[in-house]
């Protein structure tokens, strides 16, 4: 039994030595370890030692993880800006009618942005790794609700921080933003417009006739319907004095979807020389 106590004491010294301060990695802090001596009739000495060592190790790892999580949370909380402190920016530049372009300096990993309507009411809060492209997409998807915006860049590759800022801004808006309802309204901001549920009886009849004739005529019919909604969006932007060129993706229209054509960029690091170069 004496050997068991010695072993446990040695383990406590060893494990607590890893709980060092910023001054020395080898600083040792002794802690009291309360153990229950084994019942010799049911537990062998070696099994008892293993159980106690495992319990002490699990406790140490759990405490270390909890401290790390609390430290990270407190640090990220300090990085959350107040929405009221940020500058309100017009969606379209005065005089030019072009979409306001945001300067993204080197080192910026992502952005959080809040979009307001003509009455300065908050309508949507989003996160993006390409804020200029995202703002442009929202302008095309919701032309009557995109009049101004605020934004905040982050240099940390932290999804948790992005979501914390977004949630904080929403919470400070009485906890409600209709464009962040996790449902139909949010889909209008974040995805292509599906015109099929919006079809009139006349649209449905034209689509059915085209489908009966041929695949080409069916696609032509659904594209005409999509173009009608495209024209409505463009008309709103034109009335607002928007001079931005908005090209909607032709391929999506054949499926009854309406969204801007965008140049997709690759995020991955090239793994070799460009094709044709050795």
Protein backbone atom coordinates (compact mmCIF):
# COMPACT_ATOMS: atom_id res chain seq x y z
CA UNK A 1 0.00 0.00 0.00
CA UNK A 2 2.92 2.31 0.68
CA UNK A 3 4.07 1.86 -2.90
CA UNK A 4 0.64 2.94 -4.18
CA UNK A 5 0.78 6.20 -2.25
CA UNK A 6 4.29 6.88 -3.54
CA UNK A 7 3.21 6.28 -7.13
CA UNK A 8 0.22 8.58 -6.79
CA UNK A 9 2.34 11.30 -5.21
CA UNK A 10 4.83 11.07 -8.07
CA UNK A 11 2.01 11.34 -10.62
CA UNK A 12 0.54 14.42 -8.97
CA UNK A 13 3.94 16.13 -9.06
CA UNK A 14 4.45 15.19 -12.71
CA UNK A 15 1.03 16.20 -13.97
CA UNK A 16 0.81 19.44 -12.07
CA UNK A 17 4.21 20.42 -13.42
CA UNK A 18 2.49 20.97 -16.76
CA UNK A 19 0.24 23.58 -15.19
CA UNK A 20 3.13 26.02 -15.37
CA UNK A 21 3.10 29.78 -15.23
CA UNK A 22 4.48 32.13 -17.86
CA UNK A 23 7.82 32.24 -16.03
CA UNK A 24 8.98 28.63 -16.11
CA UNK A 25 7.89 25.48 -17.84
CA UNK A 26 9.34 23.43 -15.01
CA UNK A 27 7.54 25.14 -12.17
CA UNK A 28 5.88 22.53 -9.98
CA UNK A 29 2.68 23.17 -8.06
CA UNK A 30 1.66 20.45 -5.63
CA UNK A 31 -2.04 19.82 -5.18
CA UNK A 32 -3.88 17.71 -2.70
CA UNK A 33 -5.24 14.50 -4.17
CA UNK A 34 -7.89 12.71 -2.17
CA UNK A 35 -8.14 9.04 -3.00
CA UNK A 36 -10.00 6.10 -1.60
CA UNK A 37 -7.80 3.17 -0.79
CA UNK A 38 -8.75 0.01 -2.64
CA UNK A 39 -10.61 -2.91 -1.23
CA UNK A 40 -8.06 -5.70 -1.57
CA UNK A 41 -10.86 -8.22 -2.00
CA UNK A 42 -12.24 -6.57 -5.14
CA UNK A 43 -9.52 -4.43 -6.73
CA UNK A 44 -5.85 -5.18 -7.35
CA UNK A 45 -3.25 -2.57 -6.49
CA UNK A 46 -2.23 -2.09 -10.13
CA UNK A 47 -5.83 -1.60 -11.29
CA UNK A 48 -6.44 0.91 -8.54
CA UNK A 49 -3.39 2.94 -9.52
CA UNK A 50 -4.46 2.95 -13.19
CA UNK A 51 -7.95 4.13 -12.27
CA UNK A 52 -6.64 6.98 -10.13
CA UNK A 53 -4.13 8.06 -12.76
CA UNK A 54 -6.83 8.07 -15.45
CA UNK A 55 -9.23 10.07 -13.27
CA UNK A 56 -6.56 12.66 -12.45
CA UNK A 57 -5.58 12.97 -16.11
CA UNK A 58 -9.19 13.40 -17.26
CA UNK A 59 -9.77 16.10 -14.66
CA UNK A 60 -6.65 17.99 -15.70
CA UNK A 61 -7.54 17.89 -19.41
CA UNK A 62 -11.12 19.00 -18.75
CA UNK A 63 -9.97 21.96 -16.64
CA UNK A 64 -7.42 22.99 -19.28
CA UNK A 65 -10.03 22.83 -22.07
CA UNK A 66 -12.49 24.90 -20.03
CA UNK A 67 -9.88 27.59 -19.36
CA UNK A 68 -8.92 27.74 -23.05
CA UNK A 69 -12.55 28.06 -24.12
CA UNK A 70 -13.24 30.82 -21.60
CA UNK A 71 -10.12 32.70 -22.66
CA UNK A 72 -11.05 32.51 -26.35
CA UNK A 73 -14.62 33.62 -25.65
CA UNK A 74 -13.53 36.65 -23.64
CA UNK A 75 -11.04 37.66 -26.33
CA UNK A 76 -13.55 37.37 -29.17
CA UNK A 77 -16.19 39.23 -27.16
CA UNK A 78 -13.84 42.20 -27.06
CA UNK A 79 -13.64 42.12 -30.88
CA UNK A 80 -17.39 42.60 -31.41
CA UNK A 81 -18.11 46.18 -32.56
CA UNK A 82 -21.36 47.98 -31.77
CA UNK A 83 -23.50 48.43 -34.86
CA UNK A 84 -24.40 51.98 -33.79
CA UNK A 85 -20.72 52.95 -33.85
CA UNK A 86 -20.23 52.00 -37.52
CA UNK A 87 -20.61 54.39 -40.44
CA UNK A 88 -23.77 54.16 -42.56
CA UNK A 89 -22.79 53.93 -46.24
CA UNK A 90 -25.04 54.55 -49.24
CA UNK A 91 -25.48 51.49 -51.44
CA UNK A 92 -25.15 53.56 -54.62
CA UNK A 93 -22.58 56.31 -55.08
CA UNK A 94 -24.02 59.81 -55.43
CA UNK A 95 -23.67 61.12 -58.95
CA UNK A 96 -22.46 57.90 -60.56
CA UNK A 97 -25.21 55.46 -59.63
CA UNK A 98 -22.60 52.73 -59.25
CA UNK A 99 -22.45 50.28 -56.37
CA UNK A 100 -20.23 51.61 -53.59
CA UNK A 101 -17.03 49.58 -53.53
CA UNK A 102 -15.48 48.62 -50.20
CA UNK A 103 -11.70 48.64 -49.82
CA UNK A 104 -10.55 45.26 -48.55
CA UNK A 105 -7.00 45.50 -47.28
CA UNK A 106 -4.52 42.65 -47.26
CA UNK A 107 -5.02 40.42 -44.25
CA UNK A 108 -8.81 40.69 -44.14
CA UNK A 109 -10.26 37.19 -43.91
CA UNK A 110 -13.99 37.97 -43.97
CA UNK A 111 -16.60 40.63 -43.30
CA UNK A 112 -19.88 41.07 -41.48
CA UNK A 113 -22.38 43.53 -42.94
CA UNK A 114 -25.81 44.95 -42.14
CA UNK A 115 -28.20 46.12 -44.88
CA UNK A 116 -30.86 48.82 -44.44
CA UNK A 117 -33.91 49.84 -46.49
CA UNK A 118 -34.98 53.36 -47.55
CA UNK A 119 -36.29 54.10 -44.03
CA UNK A 120 -32.97 53.03 -42.43
CA UNK A 121 -34.57 49.91 -40.97
CA UNK A 122 -32.27 46.92 -40.59
CA UNK A 123 -33.36 44.20 -43.03
CA UNK A 124 -30.50 41.69 -43.20
CA UNK A 125 -27.18 40.82 -41.55
CA UNK A 126 -24.74 38.67 -43.47
CA UNK A 127 -21.19 37.32 -43.42
CA UNK A 128 -18.94 36.94 -46.44
CA UNK A 129 -15.39 36.33 -47.60
CA UNK A 130 -16.10 38.63 -50.58
CA UNK A 131 -18.16 41.56 -49.31
CA UNK A 132 -18.30 43.48 -52.61
CA UNK A 133 -19.66 40.50 -54.48
CA UNK A 134 -22.16 39.74 -51.72
CA UNK A 135 -23.45 43.32 -51.64
CA UNK A 136 -23.91 43.22 -55.41
CA UNK A 137 -25.85 39.95 -55.21
CA UNK A 138 -28.16 41.39 -52.54
CA UNK A 139 -28.78 44.49 -54.66
CA UNK A 140 -30.00 42.30 -57.52
CA UNK A 141 -32.03 39.97 -55.30
CA UNK A 142 -33.66 42.67 -53.16
CA UNK A 143 -33.50 45.95 -55.17
CA UNK A 144 -36.24 47.61 -53.12
CA UNK A 145 -34.63 46.87 -49.73
CA UNK A 146 -30.96 47.65 -50.32
CA UNK A 147 -30.36 51.37 -49.73
CA UNK A 148 -27.49 51.53 -47.26
CA UNK A 149 -25.20 49.29 -45.25
CA UNK A 150 -22.61 49.04 -42.49
CA UNK A 151 -19.74 46.60 -42.34
CA UNK A 152 -16.88 45.30 -40.23
CA UNK A 153 -13.80 43.38 -41.46
CA UNK A 154 -12.08 40.70 -39.40
CA UNK A 155 -8.53 39.44 -39.77
CA UNK A 156 -9.07 36.25 -37.78
CA UNK A 157 -10.13 33.11 -39.67
CA UNK A 158 -12.85 32.52 -37.07
CA UNK A 159 -16.34 31.40 -38.01
CA UNK A 160 -17.29 31.69 -34.35
CA UNK A 161 -16.33 35.37 -34.28
CA UNK A 162 -18.26 36.11 -37.48
CA UNK A 163 -21.39 34.46 -36.15
CA UNK A 164 -20.98 36.17 -32.76
CA UNK A 165 -20.88 39.60 -34.42
CA UNK A 166 -23.87 38.78 -36.62
CA UNK A 167 -25.91 37.44 -33.70
CA UNK A 168 -24.96 40.45 -31.54
CA UNK A 169 -26.17 42.90 -34.19
CA UNK A 170 -29.43 41.03 -34.60
CA UNK A 171 -29.94 40.86 -30.84
CA UNK A 172 -29.37 44.60 -30.52
CA UNK A 173 -32.17 45.12 -33.05
CA UNK A 174 -34.75 43.83 -30.57
CA UNK A 175 -33.67 40.32 -31.51
CA UNK A 176 -35.54 40.42 -34.82
CA UNK A 177 -34.39 41.03 -38.40
CA UNK A 178 -36.86 39.75 -40.99
CA UNK A 179 -34.09 38.85 -43.44
CA UNK A 180 -32.56 36.54 -40.84
CA UNK A 181 -35.63 34.47 -40.06
CA UNK A 182 -33.96 31.16 -41.08
CA UNK A 183 -36.83 30.72 -43.49
CA UNK A 184 -38.49 32.13 -46.58
CA UNK A 185 -37.37 35.74 -46.10
CA UNK A 186 -33.75 34.79 -45.53
CA UNK A 187 -33.81 32.62 -48.64
CA UNK A 188 -34.73 35.69 -50.73
CA UNK A 189 -31.49 37.33 -49.59
CA UNK A 190 -29.18 34.34 -49.80
CA UNK A 191 -30.34 32.31 -52.79
CA UNK A 192 -31.49 32.59 -56.38
CA UNK A 193 -35.16 33.49 -56.88
CA UNK A 194 -37.22 30.45 -57.85
CA UNK A 195 -39.94 31.79 -60.16
CA UNK A 196 -41.90 28.53 -60.41
CA UNK A 197 -43.93 29.06 -57.21
CA UNK A 198 -44.73 32.59 -58.46
CA UNK A 199 -46.22 31.50 -61.77
CA UNK A 200 -49.69 32.68 -62.73
CA UNK A 201 -52.26 30.37 -64.29
CA UNK A 202 -51.28 31.80 -67.67
CA UNK A 203 -47.62 30.98 -66.95
CA UNK A 204 -48.50 27.42 -65.99
CA UNK A 205 -50.51 26.93 -69.16
CA UNK A 206 -47.66 28.26 -71.33
CA UNK A 207 -45.16 26.02 -69.56
CA UNK A 208 -47.40 22.96 -69.95
CA UNK A 209 -47.81 23.66 -73.67
CA UNK A 210 -44.07 24.04 -74.11
CA UNK A 211 -43.38 20.83 -72.20
CA UNK A 212 -45.80 18.93 -74.41
CA UNK A 213 -44.12 20.26 -77.57
CA UNK A 214 -40.42 19.74 -76.80
CA UNK A 215 -37.68 20.17 -74.25
CA UNK A 216 -36.41 23.28 -76.03
CA UNK A 217 -39.83 24.95 -76.00
CA UNK A 218 -40.30 24.05 -72.35
CA UNK A 219 -37.00 25.74 -71.47
CA UNK A 220 -37.93 28.71 -73.62
CA UNK A 221 -41.23 29.08 -71.77
CA UNK A 222 -39.67 29.01 -68.31
CA UNK A 223 -36.95 31.46 -69.42
CA UNK A 224 -39.61 33.94 -70.56
CA UNK A 225 -41.21 33.76 -67.13
CA UNK A 226 -37.84 34.30 -65.42
CA UNK A 227 -37.08 37.25 -67.69
CA UNK A 228 -40.31 38.94 -66.61
CA UNK A 229 -39.16 38.94 -63.00
CA UNK A 230 -35.72 40.05 -64.14
CA UNK A 231 -37.31 43.03 -65.91
CA UNK A 232 -39.16 43.95 -62.71
CA UNK A 233 -35.91 44.02 -60.73
CA UNK A 234 -34.06 46.00 -63.39
CA UNK A 235 -36.93 48.52 -63.53
CA UNK A 236 -36.64 49.15 -59.78
CA UNK A 237 -32.89 49.68 -60.05
CA UNK A 238 -33.29 51.98 -63.05
CA UNK A 239 -35.83 54.08 -61.16
CA UNK A 240 -33.32 54.41 -58.33
CA UNK A 241 -30.72 55.72 -60.77
CA UNK A 242 -28.58 52.60 -60.65
CA UNK A 243 -26.03 52.45 -63.49
CA UNK A 244 -24.52 49.15 -62.39
CA UNK A 245 -24.53 46.49 -65.10
CA UNK A 246 -26.58 43.53 -63.91
CA UNK A 247 -26.16 40.36 -65.94
CA UNK A 248 -28.43 37.53 -64.85
CA UNK A 249 -27.21 33.98 -65.44
CA UNK A 250 -28.84 32.53 -68.61
CA UNK A 251 -28.25 28.93 -67.53
CA UNK A 252 -30.16 29.38 -64.29
CA UNK A 253 -33.15 30.80 -66.15
CA UNK A 254 -33.67 27.49 -67.98
CA UNK A 255 -34.36 25.96 -64.56
CA UNK A 256 -36.70 28.73 -63.48
CA UNK A 257 -34.11 30.43 -61.27
CA UNK A 258 -33.04 34.05 -61.34
CA UNK A 259 -29.71 35.27 -60.04
CA UNK A 260 -26.69 37.29 -61.11
CA UNK A 261 -23.91 35.72 -63.08
CA UNK A 262 -20.75 35.87 -60.99
CA UNK A 263 -17.12 35.11 -61.66
CA UNK A 264 -16.30 32.25 -59.32
CA UNK A 265 -12.92 32.50 -57.65
CA UNK A 266 -10.86 29.60 -56.38
CA UNK A 267 -10.01 29.57 -52.70
CA UNK A 268 -7.63 26.63 -52.77
CA UNK A 269 -3.87 27.00 -53.09
CA UNK A 270 -2.53 25.81 -56.49
CA UNK A 271 -0.87 22.41 -56.22
CA UNK A 272 1.31 22.74 -59.30
CA UNK A 273 2.26 24.91 -62.27
CA UNK A 274 -0.49 26.17 -64.61
CA UNK A 275 -1.42 23.88 -67.46
CA UNK A 276 0.91 24.29 -70.41
CA UNK A 277 3.80 25.43 -68.22
CA UNK A 278 6.51 23.20 -66.91
